[in-house]
Amino acid sequence: MSRLTNLMNDLLKIVLLVFLLGCSLGMAERPPVGQGGKIQVVTSIPDLADFTARIGGDLVSVESLAKGIEDPHGVPIKPSFVPKLNRADILVVLGLDAEHSWLPALVDVARNPTILPGNEGLINCAQNINPKQIPKSLLRREGDVHPLGNPHFNLDPVYAKVIAQTIADGLSRAFPIGKAQFQANVQKFHAHLDKKLTEWKKLAAPLRGIKFVSYHQDTIYFAEQFGLQEVAQIEIKPGIEPTQAHLVWLVERMKEQQVSLILREPHYPERLPNWVAEHTGAKVAKFLIMVGGNPGVDTYEQLIEFNLHSILNALNIP
């Protein structure tokens, strides 16, 4: 309940800020996209900023609202987000309601019709994705489930190519004069990712069949791409912290299934993964879910490589 209260307080501060800034913030006449300088792009998460900067090149200026160490489903809302969204020519979101708890309210108070749903200024990167883990039930007791499916598809390099193409197509629609550059850049990026995926598959070969648990239900796309087997989560349900009874069940299940690996996302505490590791003999590996989740992880390639090396090192696989 405290998280909801904090969210409401943050939203109230934003509404007051917009009121104090005056009506001119949201009602000023907007110039055509890209006029007088670079296309102003705001993304929800850093991965999308990395992709957009590569595709847009010198035609775009890009900034991510979320930081890589934050929970993408509960990004702390800052008043500075409002003018950034108000001035944006393009808003790029992951989609599948990944940002539902914080971004829609910001877009509402930013009063920028260009980035509203249905307009060319909004690029939803999930529009060409086949989601995994679509819930069968949306009852409250199932936790903070995502009705449209698991939104962490950015962790699959094959879907990274789909995301990049969606961004290139969206930029091309909103700013046709740059279409040739956008499409050329995305083709170069695709070729680069194809080469990297071959390297990553070879690097990840020893991980095929390794069983693991994670803290939250955010690993399925990465796991299936690289051959790991997801067994359970430390959370009881998405967004619901474990009870002692659940932890006892988890330890027993891990022993039965011979689970040797625990993945800990950086925005979750170390205490519980370490406790489970002590009682099962499994190894804990830090697992990043976004670019910027660790110092030096500034690109998508570094994100994937960090995770692969983190798991290999935890399991003492050369």
Protein backbone atom coordinates (compact mmCIF):
# COMPACT_ATOMS: atom_id res chain seq x y z
CA MET A 1 0.00 0.00 0.00
CA SER A 2 2.95 2.36 0.70
CA ARG A 3 4.05 2.02 -2.91
CA LEU A 4 0.61 3.06 -4.14
CA THR A 5 0.59 5.99 -1.70
CA ASN A 6 3.98 7.17 -2.89
CA LEU A 7 2.84 6.91 -6.49
CA MET A 8 -0.25 9.00 -5.79
CA ASN A 9 1.84 11.60 -3.98
CA ASP A 10 4.23 11.80 -6.91
CA LEU A 11 1.38 12.24 -9.36
CA LEU A 12 -0.11 14.99 -7.21
CA LYS A 13 3.22 16.83 -7.23
CA ILE A 14 3.35 16.57 -11.01
CA VAL A 15 -0.17 17.92 -11.44
CA LEU A 16 0.67 20.85 -9.19
CA LEU A 17 3.87 21.49 -11.12
CA VAL A 18 2.02 21.57 -14.42
CA PHE A 19 -0.53 23.96 -12.94
CA LEU A 20 2.18 26.29 -11.70
CA LEU A 21 3.99 26.25 -15.03
CA GLY A 22 0.82 27.61 -16.58
CA CYS A 23 -1.23 26.74 -19.56
CA SER A 24 1.52 27.67 -22.00
CA LEU A 25 3.38 24.41 -21.36
CA GLY A 26 0.81 22.15 -22.94
CA MET A 27 -0.93 24.55 -25.27
CA ALA A 28 2.00 26.17 -27.07
CA GLU A 29 1.97 25.66 -30.81
CA ARG A 30 4.25 22.73 -31.69
CA PRO A 31 6.57 22.98 -34.71
CA PRO A 32 6.65 20.16 -37.29
CA VAL A 33 8.65 17.09 -36.31
CA GLY A 34 12.37 17.72 -36.60
CA GLN A 35 12.02 21.40 -37.52
CA GLY A 36 14.85 23.59 -36.30
CA GLY A 37 17.02 20.75 -35.01
CA LYS A 38 17.05 17.10 -34.08
CA ILE A 39 14.02 14.94 -33.51
CA GLN A 40 13.41 14.88 -29.77
CA VAL A 41 12.87 11.27 -28.66
CA VAL A 42 11.95 10.09 -25.17
CA THR A 43 12.02 6.36 -24.37
CA SER A 44 10.66 4.50 -21.40
CA ILE A 45 13.74 2.30 -20.83
CA PRO A 46 17.46 2.61 -21.72
CA ASP A 47 17.46 -0.31 -24.18
CA LEU A 48 15.06 1.58 -26.42
CA ALA A 49 17.21 4.70 -26.16
CA ASP A 50 20.24 2.68 -27.29
CA PHE A 51 18.36 1.26 -30.27
CA THR A 52 16.85 4.63 -31.24
CA ALA A 53 20.17 6.45 -31.08
CA ARG A 54 21.74 3.93 -33.46
CA ILE A 55 18.84 3.96 -35.88
CA GLY A 56 18.24 7.70 -35.80
CA GLY A 57 21.90 8.65 -35.92
CA ASP A 58 22.58 12.38 -36.10
CA LEU A 59 18.91 13.12 -36.79
CA VAL A 60 17.75 12.33 -33.26
CA SER A 61 18.34 13.36 -29.67
CA VAL A 62 17.34 10.55 -27.30
CA GLU A 63 16.75 10.29 -23.56
CA SER A 64 15.42 7.43 -21.42
CA LEU A 65 13.15 8.14 -18.45
CA ALA A 66 14.00 4.93 -16.59
CA LYS A 67 17.47 4.04 -15.39
CA GLY A 68 18.86 0.55 -15.81
CA ILE A 69 19.01 -0.15 -12.08
CA GLU A 70 15.32 0.64 -11.54
CA ASP A 71 12.23 -1.54 -11.65
CA PRO A 72 10.77 -0.84 -15.12
CA HIS A 73 7.28 -1.48 -13.74
CA GLY A 74 7.65 1.10 -10.98
CA VAL A 75 10.00 3.85 -12.09
CA PRO A 76 10.17 6.67 -9.51
CA ILE A 77 8.24 9.57 -11.01
CA LYS A 78 10.09 12.88 -11.26
CA PRO A 79 8.56 16.28 -12.06
CA SER A 80 11.28 16.74 -14.70
CA PHE A 81 9.67 13.97 -16.76
CA VAL A 82 6.70 16.20 -17.61
CA PRO A 83 8.46 18.90 -19.68
CA LYS A 84 10.54 16.22 -21.41
CA LEU A 85 7.37 14.47 -22.55
CA ASN A 86 5.74 17.76 -23.45
CA ARG A 87 8.60 18.63 -25.82
CA ALA A 88 8.97 15.13 -27.28
CA ASP A 89 8.42 14.54 -30.98
CA ILE A 90 8.51 10.78 -30.40
CA LEU A 91 7.80 8.57 -27.38
CA VAL A 92 9.10 4.99 -27.60
CA VAL A 93 7.64 2.47 -25.15
CA LEU A 94 8.28 -1.23 -24.61
CA GLY A 95 4.57 -2.01 -24.50
CA LEU A 96 2.54 -4.97 -23.17
CA ASP A 97 1.68 -2.64 -20.27
CA ALA A 98 5.28 -2.78 -19.00
CA GLU A 99 5.03 0.92 -18.06
CA HIS A 100 1.36 0.96 -17.02
CA SER A 101 1.95 1.95 -13.38
CA TRP A 102 3.83 5.17 -14.09
CA LEU A 103 4.02 6.36 -17.70
CA PRO A 104 0.36 6.85 -18.82
CA ALA A 105 -0.30 9.32 -16.01
CA LEU A 106 2.77 11.30 -17.02
CA VAL A 107 1.68 11.40 -20.65
CA ASP A 108 -1.73 12.68 -19.56
CA VAL A 109 -0.36 15.63 -17.60
CA ALA A 110 2.30 16.42 -20.24
CA ARG A 111 -0.50 17.50 -22.62
CA ASN A 112 1.37 16.57 -25.79
CA PRO A 113 -1.14 15.13 -28.31
CA THR A 114 1.70 14.03 -30.61
CA ILE A 115 2.63 11.12 -28.29
CA LEU A 116 -0.87 9.98 -27.39
CA PRO A 117 -2.01 6.46 -28.43
CA GLY A 118 -3.08 6.37 -32.05
CA ASN A 119 -0.80 9.22 -33.13
CA GLU A 120 2.44 8.90 -35.08
CA GLY A 121 4.55 10.21 -32.21
CA LEU A 122 4.02 7.05 -30.14
CA ILE A 123 6.05 3.95 -31.04
CA ASN A 124 4.92 0.79 -29.25
CA CYS A 125 7.69 -1.79 -29.61
CA ALA A 126 5.42 -4.72 -28.71
CA GLN A 127 3.23 -4.44 -31.79
CA ASN A 128 5.10 -7.18 -33.69
CA ILE A 129 5.89 -9.43 -30.71
CA ASN A 130 4.36 -12.82 -29.86
CA PRO A 131 4.15 -12.56 -26.05
CA LYS A 132 4.98 -15.41 -23.70
CA GLN A 133 3.33 -16.22 -20.37
CA ILE A 134 -0.06 -14.65 -21.10
CA PRO A 135 -1.98 -15.17 -17.83
CA LYS A 136 -5.03 -17.40 -17.77
CA SER A 137 -6.46 -15.51 -14.83
CA LEU A 138 -6.43 -11.81 -13.94
CA LEU A 139 -7.67 -12.26 -10.38
CA ARG A 140 -6.01 -10.10 -7.73
CA ARG A 141 -4.63 -13.15 -5.94
CA GLU A 142 -2.49 -13.90 -9.01
CA GLY A 143 -0.35 -10.88 -8.22
CA ASP A 144 0.79 -8.04 -10.47
CA VAL A 145 0.26 -10.00 -13.68
CA HIS A 146 0.56 -8.51 -17.15
CA PRO A 147 -2.71 -9.16 -19.00
CA LEU A 148 -1.06 -8.94 -22.43
CA GLY A 149 1.84 -11.24 -21.57
CA ASN A 150 5.38 -11.03 -20.22
CA PRO A 151 6.86 -7.68 -21.36
CA HIS A 152 10.56 -8.49 -20.95
CA PHE A 153 11.08 -9.48 -24.58
CA ASN A 154 13.94 -6.97 -24.86
CA LEU A 155 16.18 -9.68 -23.34
CA ASP A 156 15.90 -11.86 -26.46
CA PRO A 157 18.35 -10.65 -29.16
CA VAL A 158 16.04 -11.94 -31.89
CA TYR A 159 13.26 -9.74 -30.56
CA ALA A 160 15.79 -6.91 -30.27
CA LYS A 161 15.89 -6.97 -34.07
CA VAL A 162 12.09 -6.74 -34.15
CA ILE A 163 12.17 -3.82 -31.72
CA ALA A 164 14.76 -2.03 -33.83
CA GLN A 165 12.69 -2.47 -36.99
CA THR A 166 9.58 -1.18 -35.22
CA ILE A 167 11.49 1.92 -34.13
CA ALA A 168 12.89 2.46 -37.63
CA ASP A 169 9.42 2.17 -39.15
CA GLY A 170 7.94 4.52 -36.56
CA LEU A 171 10.61 7.16 -37.13
CA SER A 172 10.11 6.82 -40.88
CA ARG A 173 6.37 7.48 -40.58
CA ALA A 174 6.80 10.50 -38.33
CA PHE A 175 9.80 11.95 -40.19
CA PRO A 176 9.71 10.67 -43.80
CA ILE A 177 12.66 12.77 -44.94
CA GLY A 178 14.94 10.57 -42.81
CA LYS A 179 13.46 7.24 -43.91
CA ALA A 180 16.41 6.18 -46.08
CA GLN A 181 18.84 6.78 -43.22
CA PHE A 182 16.66 5.04 -40.64
CA GLN A 183 16.16 1.94 -42.77
CA ALA A 184 19.84 1.76 -43.74
CA ASN A 185 20.89 2.04 -40.09
CA VAL A 186 18.48 -0.64 -38.93
CA GLN A 187 19.74 -3.05 -41.57
CA LYS A 188 23.29 -2.49 -40.35
CA PHE A 189 22.13 -3.08 -36.79
CA HIS A 190 20.36 -6.30 -37.80
CA ALA A 191 23.50 -7.62 -39.47
CA HIS A 192 25.54 -6.72 -36.40
CA LEU A 193 23.10 -8.49 -34.06
CA ASP A 194 23.07 -11.59 -36.29
CA LYS A 195 26.84 -11.79 -35.96
CA LYS A 196 26.72 -11.22 -32.21
CA LEU A 197 23.97 -13.82 -31.73
CA THR A 198 26.17 -16.45 -33.35
CA GLU A 199 28.92 -15.56 -30.87
CA TRP A 200 26.51 -15.53 -27.94
CA LYS A 201 25.04 -18.91 -28.85
CA LYS A 202 28.53 -20.40 -28.86
CA LEU A 203 29.34 -18.74 -25.54
CA ALA A 204 26.07 -19.98 -24.00
CA ALA A 205 26.36 -23.57 -25.25
CA PRO A 206 27.42 -24.93 -21.81
CA LEU A 207 24.29 -23.40 -20.27
CA ARG A 208 21.82 -25.44 -22.29
CA GLY A 209 19.62 -27.41 -19.91
CA ILE A 210 20.76 -25.56 -16.77
CA LYS A 211 17.84 -25.17 -14.36
CA PHE A 212 17.37 -21.91 -12.48
CA VAL A 213 15.06 -19.77 -10.40
CA SER A 214 14.81 -15.98 -10.60
CA TYR A 215 13.47 -13.40 -8.21
CA HIS A 216 10.77 -12.13 -10.57
CA GLN A 217 9.09 -13.50 -13.68
CA ASP A 218 11.25 -11.60 -16.17
CA THR A 219 13.71 -14.13 -17.59
CA ILE A 220 11.66 -16.33 -19.93
CA TYR A 221 12.72 -14.72 -23.24
CA PHE A 222 16.42 -14.79 -22.38
CA ALA A 223 16.18 -18.31 -20.96
CA GLU A 224 14.45 -19.83 -23.98
CA GLN A 225 16.82 -18.13 -26.41
CA PHE A 226 19.90 -19.52 -24.66
CA GLY A 227 18.54 -22.90 -23.53
CA LEU A 228 18.15 -22.43 -19.78
CA GLN A 229 15.16 -23.99 -17.95
CA GLU A 230 13.10 -21.78 -15.66
CA VAL A 231 11.77 -23.68 -12.62
CA ALA A 232 10.25 -21.08 -10.26
CA GLN A 233 10.58 -17.62 -8.76
CA ILE A 234 11.45 -16.38 -5.30
CA GLU A 235 8.30 -14.27 -5.38
CA ILE A 236 5.09 -16.16 -4.65
CA LYS A 237 3.39 -14.38 -7.52
CA PRO A 238 4.57 -11.40 -9.58
CA GLY A 239 4.95 -8.49 -7.19
CA ILE A 240 4.15 -10.57 -4.07
CA GLU A 241 7.06 -11.13 -1.70
CA PRO A 242 7.62 -14.68 -0.47
CA THR A 243 6.40 -16.08 2.83
CA GLN A 244 8.46 -18.46 4.91
CA ALA A 245 6.25 -21.32 3.73
CA HIS A 246 6.94 -20.42 0.09
CA LEU A 247 10.68 -20.30 0.70
CA VAL A 248 10.58 -23.74 2.33
CA TRP A 249 8.64 -25.06 -0.68
CA LEU A 250 11.11 -23.39 -3.05
CA VAL A 251 14.13 -24.96 -1.34
CA GLU A 252 12.52 -28.41 -1.51
CA ARG A 253 11.60 -27.98 -5.16
CA MET A 254 15.07 -26.80 -6.09
CA LYS A 255 16.63 -29.81 -4.40
CA GLU A 256 14.21 -32.19 -6.15
CA GLN A 257 14.83 -30.55 -9.53
CA GLN A 258 18.59 -30.20 -8.91
CA VAL A 259 18.50 -26.47 -9.60
CA SER A 260 21.99 -25.05 -9.59
CA LEU A 261 21.41 -21.38 -10.41
CA ILE A 262 19.61 -18.36 -8.94
CA LEU A 263 19.27 -15.17 -11.00
CA ARG A 264 19.03 -11.94 -9.01
CA GLU A 265 17.87 -8.79 -10.75
CA PRO A 266 19.68 -5.65 -9.48
CA HIS A 267 16.57 -3.87 -8.15
CA TYR A 268 15.78 -6.76 -5.78
CA PRO A 269 17.61 -7.30 -2.47
CA GLU A 270 20.40 -9.86 -2.13
CA ARG A 271 19.26 -11.29 1.19
CA LEU A 272 16.64 -13.79 0.00
CA PRO A 273 18.56 -15.12 -3.03
CA ASN A 274 21.60 -15.61 -0.78
CA TRP A 275 19.46 -17.39 1.84
CA VAL A 276 18.03 -19.74 -0.78
CA ALA A 277 21.52 -20.38 -2.13
CA GLU A 278 22.80 -21.30 1.33
CA HIS A 279 20.01 -23.85 1.76
CA THR A 280 20.25 -25.39 -1.71
CA GLY A 281 23.87 -25.10 -2.79
CA ALA A 282 22.83 -23.15 -5.87
CA LYS A 283 24.95 -20.27 -7.12
CA VAL A 284 23.68 -16.68 -7.37
CA ALA A 285 24.31 -14.69 -10.55
CA LYS A 286 23.47 -11.02 -11.01
CA PHE A 287 21.06 -10.71 -13.92
CA LEU A 288 20.41 -7.38 -15.60
CA ILE A 289 17.07 -6.71 -17.26
CA MET A 290 17.97 -3.38 -18.88
CA VAL A 291 20.93 -1.51 -20.30
CA GLY A 292 22.60 0.47 -17.52
CA GLY A 293 21.89 -2.12 -14.84
CA ASN A 294 25.57 -2.27 -13.94
CA PRO A 295 28.50 0.16 -14.41
CA GLY A 296 29.97 -0.25 -17.87
CA VAL A 297 26.85 -1.80 -19.35
CA ASP A 298 25.95 1.04 -21.69
CA THR A 299 24.86 -0.84 -24.81
CA TYR A 300 22.58 -3.74 -25.64
CA GLU A 301 25.53 -5.96 -26.55
CA GLN A 302 27.11 -5.30 -23.18
CA LEU A 303 23.80 -6.18 -21.48
CA ILE A 304 23.59 -9.63 -23.09
CA GLU A 305 27.27 -10.33 -22.59
CA PHE A 306 27.17 -9.27 -18.95
CA ASN A 307 24.35 -11.71 -18.24
CA LEU A 308 26.00 -14.60 -20.06
CA HIS A 309 29.35 -14.07 -18.35
CA SER A 310 27.67 -13.52 -14.96
CA ILE A 311 25.96 -16.92 -15.22
CA LEU A 312 29.05 -18.70 -16.55
CA ASN A 313 31.20 -17.24 -13.79
CA ALA A 314 28.70 -18.11 -11.06
CA LEU A 315 28.67 -21.74 -12.25
CA ASN A 316 32.47 -21.79 -12.65
CA ILE A 317 32.18 -22.61 -16.34
CA PRO A 318 35.25 -21.40 -18.23
